[in-house]
Amino acid sequence: MTDNIIILAGGASSRMKKSTAQNLTPDKVTQANQLSKGLIELKGKPFLSYLLKHILEAGFKNVFIITGAKSDNFRKAFENKAEFEGLKIQFATQFIPEGREKPMGTADALYQCLNEFPHLKESKFCVCNSDNLYSLKALKLLKNSTAQQAILAYDINHLNFSRARISRFAVMRFNADNKLLSIVEKPEENEIQQYTDSSGKIRVSMNIFLFDGELIFKHLENCPLHPSRNEKELPTALLNMIHDNAVVNGIPIAEHVPDLTSKEDIAVLEKYLGEN
């Protein structure tokens, strides 16, 4: 169990900025091209507001939002807001190393956050994306887990995404006791079926984890760059930790996760939020 959750919000939003959509207002297009995804307004509120509401309702106390060096918009949106009373919201910065144009990836973001808040190296904490709207159920499952470390394992048959889109997620393999054996980031679309488990399910990560700071930190620190994407990615650090005999429990879950990846998702999410 933990009261801490870290939100990854420092990415460059490259796919959002490069994407197109025919059904957006000029204002929404401008927001999508200029803002971090968690700050895009949906139904009158920044998208991240809806996730923070679920985080508050799930019983978390401490929230650490990892942003880029320019965090003013995040602070203005989420600091000292009455609707989030009960959450201690703090900000960490993912700095871009000299010689790079983009952040160095999710493992680097978490590494920089733990260095900025060293007590987390001796704590348990959850980690999630800022552009996924995880359900209250999902957040409670992870927060209240008695496992030392865990990952939510989503059944792809309940995710309302195309197979091509699902192939951009990390697919996982577990043993009979739901202990994580392997995780592969962005497999080839024709390789996904190879990960069918004994119950006929294929399970993917939606980037929501429970970590023990003492176990994960050295694997964040020593995480290698991905050979083609040139980023340090959490699945790589997670896999190296498993190879070092650390245990990560899979928590099966079967539900959709609304996701804000491209401009086309904006209208889909506004409709979803209007109905829920």
C-alpha atoms as a PDB file:
ATOM      1  CA  MET A   1       0.000   0.000   0.000  1.00  0.00           C
ATOM      2  CA  THR A   2       1.100   3.557  -0.624  1.00  0.00           C
ATOM      3  CA  ASP A   3      -0.087   7.168  -0.416  1.00  0.00           C
ATOM      4  CA  ASN A   4       2.326   8.348  -3.132  1.00  0.00           C
ATOM      5  CA  ILE A   5       1.765   8.623  -6.865  1.00  0.00           C
ATOM      6  CA  ILE A   6       4.075  10.059  -9.537  1.00  0.00           C
ATOM      7  CA  ILE A   7       2.579  11.365 -12.779  1.00  0.00           C
ATOM      8  CA  LEU A   8       4.720  11.430 -15.929  1.00  0.00           C
ATOM      9  CA  ALA A   9       3.915  14.703 -17.702  1.00  0.00           C
ATOM     10  CA  GLY A  10       7.247  15.796 -19.143  1.00  0.00           C
ATOM     11  CA  GLY A  11       7.063  14.220 -22.592  1.00  0.00           C
ATOM     12  CA  ALA A  12       7.347  16.174 -25.823  1.00  0.00           C
ATOM     13  CA  SER A  13       3.843  15.159 -27.065  1.00  0.00           C
ATOM     14  CA  SER A  14       5.330  14.543 -30.514  1.00  0.00           C
ATOM     15  CA  ARG A  15       2.527  12.329 -31.841  1.00  0.00           C
ATOM     16  CA  MET A  16      -0.098  14.821 -30.685  1.00  0.00           C
ATOM     17  CA  LYS A  17       1.626  17.717 -32.431  1.00  0.00           C
ATOM     18  CA  LYS A  18       2.221  15.765 -35.656  1.00  0.00           C
ATOM     19  CA  SER A  19      -1.315  14.335 -35.873  1.00  0.00           C
ATOM     20  CA  THR A  20      -4.324  15.850 -37.651  1.00  0.00           C
ATOM     21  CA  ALA A  21      -8.083  15.835 -37.084  1.00  0.00           C
ATOM     22  CA  GLN A  22     -10.932  17.282 -39.111  1.00  0.00           C
ATOM     23  CA  ASN A  23     -13.434  17.884 -36.304  1.00  0.00           C
ATOM     24  CA  LEU A  24     -11.556  20.238 -33.964  1.00  0.00           C
ATOM     25  CA  THR A  25     -12.018  23.952 -33.382  1.00  0.00           C
ATOM     26  CA  PRO A  26      -9.031  26.203 -34.127  1.00  0.00           C
ATOM     27  CA  ASP A  27      -8.628  26.754 -30.376  1.00  0.00           C
ATOM     28  CA  LYS A  28      -8.360  23.015 -29.711  1.00  0.00           C
ATOM     29  CA  VAL A  29      -5.848  22.610 -32.535  1.00  0.00           C
ATOM     30  CA  THR A  30      -3.749  25.412 -31.042  1.00  0.00           C
ATOM     31  CA  GLN A  31      -3.871  23.800 -27.592  1.00  0.00           C
ATOM     32  CA  ALA A  32      -2.902  20.412 -29.042  1.00  0.00           C
ATOM     33  CA  ASN A  33       0.049  21.954 -30.878  1.00  0.00           C
ATOM     34  CA  GLN A  34       1.335  24.103 -28.034  1.00  0.00           C
ATOM     35  CA  LEU A  35       0.426  22.511 -24.684  1.00  0.00           C
ATOM     36  CA  SER A  36       1.399  19.356 -22.870  1.00  0.00           C
ATOM     37  CA  LYS A  37      -1.357  16.787 -23.306  1.00  0.00           C
ATOM     38  CA  GLY A  38      -2.408  16.940 -19.652  1.00  0.00           C
ATOM     39  CA  LEU A  39      -3.182  20.657 -20.054  1.00  0.00           C
ATOM     40  CA  ILE A  40      -5.469  20.378 -23.103  1.00  0.00           C
ATOM     41  CA  GLU A  41      -8.939  21.512 -22.026  1.00  0.00           C
ATOM     42  CA  LEU A  42     -11.753  18.974 -22.255  1.00  0.00           C
ATOM     43  CA  LYS A  43     -15.240  19.981 -21.132  1.00  0.00           C
ATOM     44  CA  GLY A  44     -13.747  23.180 -19.689  1.00  0.00           C
ATOM     45  CA  LYS A  45     -10.970  21.591 -17.589  1.00  0.00           C
ATOM     46  CA  PRO A  46      -7.387  20.468 -18.239  1.00  0.00           C
ATOM     47  CA  PHE A  47      -7.380  16.755 -19.021  1.00  0.00           C
ATOM     48  CA  LEU A  48      -5.145  15.982 -16.052  1.00  0.00           C
ATOM     49  CA  SER A  49      -7.860  17.361 -13.732  1.00  0.00           C
ATOM     50  CA  TYR A  50      -9.977  14.274 -14.373  1.00  0.00           C
ATOM     51  CA  LEU A  51      -7.138  11.926 -13.440  1.00  0.00           C
ATOM     52  CA  LEU A  52      -6.361  13.944 -10.303  1.00  0.00           C
ATOM     53  CA  LYS A  53     -10.009  13.658  -9.279  1.00  0.00           C
ATOM     54  CA  HIS A  54      -9.776   9.861  -9.476  1.00  0.00           C
ATOM     55  CA  ILE A  55      -6.437   9.947  -7.605  1.00  0.00           C
ATOM     56  CA  LEU A  56      -8.037  11.971  -4.799  1.00  0.00           C
ATOM     57  CA  GLU A  57     -11.046   9.639  -4.631  1.00  0.00           C
ATOM     58  CA  ALA A  58      -8.745   6.597  -4.536  1.00  0.00           C
ATOM     59  CA  GLY A  59      -7.200   7.906  -1.306  1.00  0.00           C
ATOM     60  CA  PHE A  60      -3.744   9.028  -2.400  1.00  0.00           C
ATOM     61  CA  LYS A  61      -2.211  11.850  -0.370  1.00  0.00           C
ATOM     62  CA  ASN A  62       0.996  12.856  -2.163  1.00  0.00           C
ATOM     63  CA  VAL A  63       1.197  13.612  -5.890  1.00  0.00           C
ATOM     64  CA  PHE A  64       4.428  14.339  -7.736  1.00  0.00           C
ATOM     65  CA  ILE A  65       3.936  15.706 -11.258  1.00  0.00           C
ATOM     66  CA  ILE A  66       7.017  15.436 -13.468  1.00  0.00           C
ATOM     67  CA  THR A  67       7.073  18.210 -16.068  1.00  0.00           C
ATOM     68  CA  GLY A  68       9.598  19.746 -18.414  1.00  0.00           C
ATOM     69  CA  ALA A  69      11.652  22.777 -17.393  1.00  0.00           C
ATOM     70  CA  LYS A  70       8.724  25.105 -18.161  1.00  0.00           C
ATOM     71  CA  SER A  71       6.202  24.100 -15.508  1.00  0.00           C
ATOM     72  CA  ASP A  72       4.377  27.418 -15.022  1.00  0.00           C
ATOM     73  CA  ASN A  73       1.218  26.257 -16.790  1.00  0.00           C
ATOM     74  CA  PHE A  74       1.040  23.099 -14.677  1.00  0.00           C
ATOM     75  CA  ARG A  75       1.566  25.030 -11.454  1.00  0.00           C
ATOM     76  CA  LYS A  76      -1.074  27.572 -12.418  1.00  0.00           C
ATOM     77  CA  ALA A  77      -3.564  24.815 -13.214  1.00  0.00           C
ATOM     78  CA  PHE A  78      -3.047  22.546 -10.206  1.00  0.00           C
ATOM     79  CA  GLU A  79      -1.364  24.332  -7.302  1.00  0.00           C
ATOM     80  CA  ASN A  80      -3.557  25.314  -4.351  1.00  0.00           C
ATOM     81  CA  LYS A  81      -6.853  24.434  -6.038  1.00  0.00           C
ATOM     82  CA  ALA A  82      -9.841  23.817  -3.772  1.00  0.00           C
ATOM     83  CA  GLU A  83     -11.068  20.902  -5.906  1.00  0.00           C
ATOM     84  CA  PHE A  84      -7.879  18.978  -5.060  1.00  0.00           C
ATOM     85  CA  GLU A  85      -7.918  19.713  -1.335  1.00  0.00           C
ATOM     86  CA  GLY A  86      -6.529  16.644   0.389  1.00  0.00           C
ATOM     87  CA  LEU A  87      -3.780  16.147  -2.178  1.00  0.00           C
ATOM     88  CA  LYS A  88      -0.294  17.495  -1.583  1.00  0.00           C
ATOM     89  CA  ILE A  89       0.754  18.278  -5.158  1.00  0.00           C
ATOM     90  CA  GLN A  90       4.462  18.817  -5.798  1.00  0.00           C
ATOM     91  CA  PHE A  91       6.431  19.217  -9.021  1.00  0.00           C
ATOM     92  CA  ALA A  92       9.603  17.600 -10.267  1.00  0.00           C
ATOM     93  CA  THR A  93      11.497  18.677 -13.374  1.00  0.00           C
ATOM     94  CA  GLN A  94      12.847  16.448 -16.107  1.00  0.00           C
ATOM     95  CA  PHE A  95      15.721  18.424 -17.569  1.00  0.00           C
ATOM     96  CA  ILE A  96      16.880  17.743 -21.123  1.00  0.00           C
ATOM     97  CA  PRO A  97      20.603  16.940 -21.314  1.00  0.00           C
ATOM     98  CA  GLU A  98      22.815  19.225 -23.354  1.00  0.00           C
ATOM     99  CA  GLY A  99      22.916  18.139 -26.977  1.00  0.00           C
ATOM    100  CA  ARG A 100      19.386  16.701 -27.022  1.00  0.00           C
ATOM    101  CA  GLU A 101      16.178  18.310 -28.253  1.00  0.00           C
ATOM    102  CA  LYS A 102      13.734  15.980 -26.494  1.00  0.00           C
ATOM    103  CA  PRO A 103      13.517  14.462 -22.990  1.00  0.00           C
ATOM    104  CA  MET A 104      15.437  11.230 -22.446  1.00  0.00           C
ATOM    105  CA  GLY A 105      12.429   9.027 -21.721  1.00  0.00           C
ATOM    106  CA  THR A 106      10.226   7.768 -18.902  1.00  0.00           C
ATOM    107  CA  ALA A 107      12.955   5.964 -16.934  1.00  0.00           C
ATOM    108  CA  ASP A 108      15.025   9.153 -16.959  1.00  0.00           C
ATOM    109  CA  ALA A 109      11.995  11.173 -15.834  1.00  0.00           C
ATOM    110  CA  LEU A 110      11.430   8.910 -12.842  1.00  0.00           C
ATOM    111  CA  TYR A 111      15.160   8.900 -12.037  1.00  0.00           C
ATOM    112  CA  GLN A 112      15.259  12.698 -11.959  1.00  0.00           C
ATOM    113  CA  CYS A 113      12.132  12.810  -9.778  1.00  0.00           C
ATOM    114  CA  LEU A 114      13.635  10.422  -7.206  1.00  0.00           C
ATOM    115  CA  ASN A 115      16.803  12.503  -7.071  1.00  0.00           C
ATOM    116  CA  GLU A 116      14.732  15.640  -6.502  1.00  0.00           C
ATOM    117  CA  PHE A 117      12.681  13.955  -3.757  1.00  0.00           C
ATOM    118  CA  PRO A 118      15.206  11.516  -2.180  1.00  0.00           C
ATOM    119  CA  HIS A 119      12.773  10.136   0.396  1.00  0.00           C
ATOM    120  CA  LEU A 120      11.018   8.352  -2.473  1.00  0.00           C
ATOM    121  CA  LYS A 121      14.106   6.144  -2.866  1.00  0.00           C
ATOM    122  CA  GLU A 122      13.076   4.555   0.440  1.00  0.00           C
ATOM    123  CA  SER A 123       9.327   4.542  -0.203  1.00  0.00           C
ATOM    124  CA  LYS A 124       6.720   2.723  -2.223  1.00  0.00           C
ATOM    125  CA  PHE A 125       4.944   4.741  -4.877  1.00  0.00           C
ATOM    126  CA  CYS A 126       2.712   4.369  -7.900  1.00  0.00           C
ATOM    127  CA  VAL A 127       3.660   5.759 -11.302  1.00  0.00           C
ATOM    128  CA  CYS A 128       1.306   6.571 -14.171  1.00  0.00           C
ATOM    129  CA  ASN A 129       0.989   8.608 -17.360  1.00  0.00           C
ATOM    130  CA  SER A 130      -0.642  12.033 -17.505  1.00  0.00           C
ATOM    131  CA  ASP A 131      -2.421  11.251 -20.781  1.00  0.00           C
ATOM    132  CA  ASN A 132      -4.343   8.147 -19.674  1.00  0.00           C
ATOM    133  CA  LEU A 133      -7.578   8.436 -17.678  1.00  0.00           C
ATOM    134  CA  TYR A 134      -7.194   5.487 -15.329  1.00  0.00           C
ATOM    135  CA  SER A 135     -10.372   4.462 -13.525  1.00  0.00           C
ATOM    136  CA  LEU A 136     -10.971   4.790  -9.804  1.00  0.00           C
ATOM    137  CA  LYS A 137     -11.017   0.971  -9.680  1.00  0.00           C
ATOM    138  CA  ALA A 138      -7.608   0.714 -11.350  1.00  0.00           C
ATOM    139  CA  LEU A 139      -6.015   3.263  -9.043  1.00  0.00           C
ATOM    140  CA  LYS A 140      -7.419   1.584  -5.932  1.00  0.00           C
ATOM    141  CA  LEU A 141      -6.205  -1.841  -7.078  1.00  0.00           C
ATOM    142  CA  LEU A 142      -2.641  -0.592  -7.314  1.00  0.00           C
ATOM    143  CA  LYS A 143      -2.666   1.750  -4.314  1.00  0.00           C
ATOM    144  CA  ASN A 144      -4.044  -0.908  -1.982  1.00  0.00           C
ATOM    145  CA  SER A 145      -1.998  -3.818  -3.313  1.00  0.00           C
ATOM    146  CA  THR A 146      -0.060  -5.706  -0.649  1.00  0.00           C
ATOM    147  CA  ALA A 147       2.583  -6.682  -3.220  1.00  0.00           C
ATOM    148  CA  GLN A 148       6.009  -5.113  -2.898  1.00  0.00           C
ATOM    149  CA  GLN A 149       5.810  -4.137  -6.567  1.00  0.00           C
ATOM    150  CA  ALA A 150       3.039  -4.549  -9.123  1.00  0.00           C
ATOM    151  CA  ILE A 151       1.807  -3.629 -12.576  1.00  0.00           C
ATOM    152  CA  LEU A 152      -1.737  -3.513 -13.907  1.00  0.00           C
ATOM    153  CA  ALA A 153      -2.080  -6.083 -16.695  1.00  0.00           C
ATOM    154  CA  TYR A 154      -4.789  -5.020 -19.141  1.00  0.00           C
ATOM    155  CA  ASP A 155      -6.682  -7.576 -21.230  1.00  0.00           C
ATOM    156  CA  ILE A 156      -6.454  -6.224 -24.791  1.00  0.00           C
ATOM    157  CA  ASN A 157      -9.976  -7.481 -25.578  1.00  0.00           C
ATOM    158  CA  HIS A 158     -11.371  -4.769 -23.307  1.00  0.00           C
ATOM    159  CA  LEU A 159      -9.271  -1.916 -24.732  1.00  0.00           C
ATOM    160  CA  ASN A 160     -11.178  -0.044 -27.429  1.00  0.00           C
ATOM    161  CA  PHE A 161      -8.139   0.428 -29.644  1.00  0.00           C
ATOM    162  CA  SER A 162      -7.047  -1.014 -32.959  1.00  0.00           C
ATOM    163  CA  ARG A 163      -4.435  -3.781 -32.980  1.00  0.00           C
ATOM    164  CA  ALA A 164      -2.059  -1.358 -34.676  1.00  0.00           C
ATOM    165  CA  ARG A 165      -2.412   1.035 -31.743  1.00  0.00           C
ATOM    166  CA  ILE A 166      -2.146  -1.739 -29.158  1.00  0.00           C
ATOM    167  CA  SER A 167       1.134  -2.791 -30.771  1.00  0.00           C
ATOM    168  CA  ARG A 168       2.566   0.525 -29.560  1.00  0.00           C
ATOM    169  CA  PHE A 169       1.989  -0.572 -25.950  1.00  0.00           C
ATOM    170  CA  ALA A 170       4.251  -2.883 -23.949  1.00  0.00           C
ATOM    171  CA  VAL A 171       3.048  -6.489 -24.030  1.00  0.00           C
ATOM    172  CA  MET A 172       3.740  -8.743 -21.044  1.00  0.00           C
ATOM    173  CA  ARG A 173       4.170 -12.391 -20.121  1.00  0.00           C
ATOM    174  CA  PHE A 174       3.443 -13.769 -16.625  1.00  0.00           C
ATOM    175  CA  ASN A 175       3.889 -17.131 -14.917  1.00  0.00           C
ATOM    176  CA  ALA A 176       1.042 -19.113 -13.347  1.00  0.00           C
ATOM    177  CA  ASP A 177       1.359 -17.039 -10.143  1.00  0.00           C
ATOM    178  CA  ASN A 178       1.019 -13.750 -12.055  1.00  0.00           C
ATOM    179  CA  LYS A 179       4.680 -12.864 -11.555  1.00  0.00           C
ATOM    180  CA  LEU A 180       6.009 -10.772 -14.436  1.00  0.00           C
ATOM    181  CA  LEU A 181       8.451 -12.710 -16.630  1.00  0.00           C
ATOM    182  CA  SER A 182       8.975 -10.354 -19.562  1.00  0.00           C
ATOM    183  CA  ILE A 183       7.811  -7.082 -21.014  1.00  0.00           C
ATOM    184  CA  VAL A 184       8.379  -5.958 -24.598  1.00  0.00           C
ATOM    185  CA  GLU A 185       7.916  -2.321 -25.594  1.00  0.00           C
ATOM    186  CA  LYS A 186       6.163  -1.707 -28.930  1.00  0.00           C
ATOM    187  CA  PRO A 187       6.272  -5.230 -30.420  1.00  0.00           C
ATOM    188  CA  GLU A 188       5.604  -5.833 -34.093  1.00  0.00           C
ATOM    189  CA  GLU A 189       1.860  -6.110 -34.733  1.00  0.00           C
ATOM    190  CA  ASN A 190       2.226  -9.682 -36.008  1.00  0.00           C
ATOM    191  CA  GLU A 191       4.079 -10.707 -32.836  1.00  0.00           C
ATOM    192  CA  ILE A 192       1.348  -9.834 -30.319  1.00  0.00           C
ATOM    193  CA  GLN A 193      -0.327 -13.277 -30.506  1.00  0.00           C
ATOM    194  CA  GLN A 194       2.879 -14.866 -29.217  1.00  0.00           C
ATOM    195  CA  TYR A 195       2.081 -13.411 -25.788  1.00  0.00           C
ATOM    196  CA  THR A 196      -1.227 -15.227 -25.295  1.00  0.00           C
ATOM    197  CA  ASP A 197      -1.255 -16.702 -21.774  1.00  0.00           C
ATOM    198  CA  SER A 198      -2.673 -20.012 -20.540  1.00  0.00           C
ATOM    199  CA  SER A 199      -6.123 -18.462 -20.143  1.00  0.00           C
ATOM    200  CA  GLY A 200      -6.099 -17.177 -23.728  1.00  0.00           C
ATOM    201  CA  LYS A 201      -5.497 -13.557 -22.733  1.00  0.00           C
ATOM    202  CA  ILE A 202      -2.979 -11.074 -24.090  1.00  0.00           C
ATOM    203  CA  ARG A 203      -2.053  -8.494 -21.481  1.00  0.00           C
ATOM    204  CA  VAL A 204      -0.446  -5.122 -22.029  1.00  0.00           C
ATOM    205  CA  SER A 205       0.865  -2.337 -19.843  1.00  0.00           C
ATOM    206  CA  MET A 206      -0.866   1.031 -19.804  1.00  0.00           C
ATOM    207  CA  ASN A 207       2.099   2.467 -17.884  1.00  0.00           C
ATOM    208  CA  ILE A 208       0.708   2.272 -14.376  1.00  0.00           C
ATOM    209  CA  PHE A 209       3.001   0.678 -11.785  1.00  0.00           C
ATOM    210  CA  LEU A 210       3.654   0.182  -8.076  1.00  0.00           C
ATOM    211  CA  PHE A 211       7.379   0.389  -7.294  1.00  0.00           C
ATOM    212  CA  ASP A 212       9.642   0.011  -4.289  1.00  0.00           C
ATOM    213  CA  GLY A 213      12.089   2.912  -4.517  1.00  0.00           C
ATOM    214  CA  GLU A 214      14.984   0.891  -3.105  1.00  0.00           C
ATOM    215  CA  LEU A 215      14.571  -1.787  -5.780  1.00  0.00           C
ATOM    216  CA  ILE A 216      13.889   0.343  -8.858  1.00  0.00           C
ATOM    217  CA  PHE A 217      16.312   3.239  -8.356  1.00  0.00           C
ATOM    218  CA  LYS A 218      19.566   1.593  -9.462  1.00  0.00           C
ATOM    219  CA  HIS A 219      17.828   0.242 -12.561  1.00  0.00           C
ATOM    220  CA  LEU A 220      16.646   3.742 -13.421  1.00  0.00           C
ATOM    221  CA  GLU A 221      20.154   5.062 -12.848  1.00  0.00           C
ATOM    222  CA  ASN A 222      21.712   2.358 -15.039  1.00  0.00           C
ATOM    223  CA  CYS A 223      18.970   2.139 -17.645  1.00  0.00           C
ATOM    224  CA  PRO A 224      20.483   1.897 -21.150  1.00  0.00           C
ATOM    225  CA  LEU A 225      19.255   3.952 -24.078  1.00  0.00           C
ATOM    226  CA  HIS A 226      16.940   2.108 -26.447  1.00  0.00           C
ATOM    227  CA  PRO A 227      18.982   1.402 -29.584  1.00  0.00           C
ATOM    228  CA  SER A 228      16.472   2.869 -32.054  1.00  0.00           C
ATOM    229  CA  ARG A 229      14.385   5.315 -29.994  1.00  0.00           C
ATOM    230  CA  ASN A 230      17.394   6.719 -28.119  1.00  0.00           C
ATOM    231  CA  GLU A 231      15.432   7.032 -24.870  1.00  0.00           C
ATOM    232  CA  LYS A 232      15.605   5.410 -21.445  1.00  0.00           C
ATOM    233  CA  GLU A 233      12.265   3.637 -21.053  1.00  0.00           C
ATOM    234  CA  LEU A 234      10.563   2.287 -17.938  1.00  0.00           C
ATOM    235  CA  PRO A 235       9.897  -1.155 -19.469  1.00  0.00           C
ATOM    236  CA  THR A 236      13.666  -1.551 -19.970  1.00  0.00           C
ATOM    237  CA  ALA A 237      14.397  -0.651 -16.343  1.00  0.00           C
ATOM    238  CA  LEU A 238      11.577  -2.948 -15.231  1.00  0.00           C
ATOM    239  CA  LEU A 239      12.910  -5.866 -17.285  1.00  0.00           C
ATOM    240  CA  ASN A 240      16.445  -5.383 -15.935  1.00  0.00           C
ATOM    241  CA  MET A 241      15.055  -5.346 -12.405  1.00  0.00           C
ATOM    242  CA  ILE A 242      13.298  -8.674 -13.047  1.00  0.00           C
ATOM    243  CA  HIS A 243      16.544 -10.109 -14.396  1.00  0.00           C
ATOM    244  CA  ASP A 244      18.067  -9.025 -11.071  1.00  0.00           C
ATOM    245  CA  ASN A 245      15.549 -11.341  -9.349  1.00  0.00           C
ATOM    246  CA  ALA A 246      13.134  -8.641  -8.173  1.00  0.00           C
ATOM    247  CA  VAL A 247       9.473  -9.697  -8.153  1.00  0.00           C
ATOM    248  CA  VAL A 248       6.719  -7.704  -9.861  1.00  0.00           C
ATOM    249  CA  ASN A 249       3.154  -8.950  -9.478  1.00  0.00           C
ATOM    250  CA  GLY A 250       0.706  -8.624 -12.340  1.00  0.00           C
ATOM    251  CA  ILE A 251      -2.779  -7.486 -11.368  1.00  0.00           C
ATOM    252  CA  PRO A 252      -5.233  -8.570 -14.094  1.00  0.00           C
ATOM    253  CA  ILE A 253      -7.769  -5.965 -15.137  1.00  0.00           C
ATOM    254  CA  ALA A 254     -10.339  -5.907 -17.919  1.00  0.00           C
ATOM    255  CA  GLU A 255     -11.502  -2.409 -18.839  1.00  0.00           C
ATOM    256  CA  HIS A 256     -10.829   0.382 -21.310  1.00  0.00           C
ATOM    257  CA  VAL A 257      -8.419   3.234 -20.558  1.00  0.00           C
ATOM    258  CA  PRO A 258      -9.334   6.514 -22.305  1.00  0.00           C
ATOM    259  CA  ASP A 259      -6.127   7.771 -23.866  1.00  0.00           C
ATOM    260  CA  LEU A 260      -5.042  11.151 -25.232  1.00  0.00           C
ATOM    261  CA  THR A 261      -2.395  10.405 -27.856  1.00  0.00           C
ATOM    262  CA  SER A 262      -3.464  12.213 -31.036  1.00  0.00           C
ATOM    263  CA  LYS A 263      -5.756  15.068 -32.036  1.00  0.00           C
ATOM    264  CA  GLU A 264      -8.440  12.552 -33.030  1.00  0.00           C
ATOM    265  CA  ASP A 265      -8.623  11.448 -29.371  1.00  0.00           C
ATOM    266  CA  ILE A 266      -9.730  14.905 -28.226  1.00  0.00           C
ATOM    267  CA  ALA A 267     -13.264  14.606 -29.625  1.00  0.00           C
ATOM    268  CA  VAL A 268     -13.514  10.978 -28.462  1.00  0.00           C
ATOM    269  CA  LEU A 269     -12.594  11.967 -24.918  1.00  0.00           C
ATOM    270  CA  GLU A 270     -14.909  14.970 -24.826  1.00  0.00           C
ATOM    271  CA  LYS A 271     -17.755  12.631 -25.767  1.00  0.00           C
ATOM    272  CA  TYR A 272     -16.652  10.092 -23.127  1.00  0.00           C
ATOM    273  CA  LEU A 273     -16.439  12.746 -20.398  1.00  0.00           C
ATOM    274  CA  GLY A 274     -19.852  14.070 -21.366  1.00  0.00           C
ATOM    275  CA  GLU A 275     -21.337  10.613 -20.904  1.00  0.00           C
ATOM    276  CA  ASN A 276     -19.576   9.677 -17.649  1.00  0.00           C
END
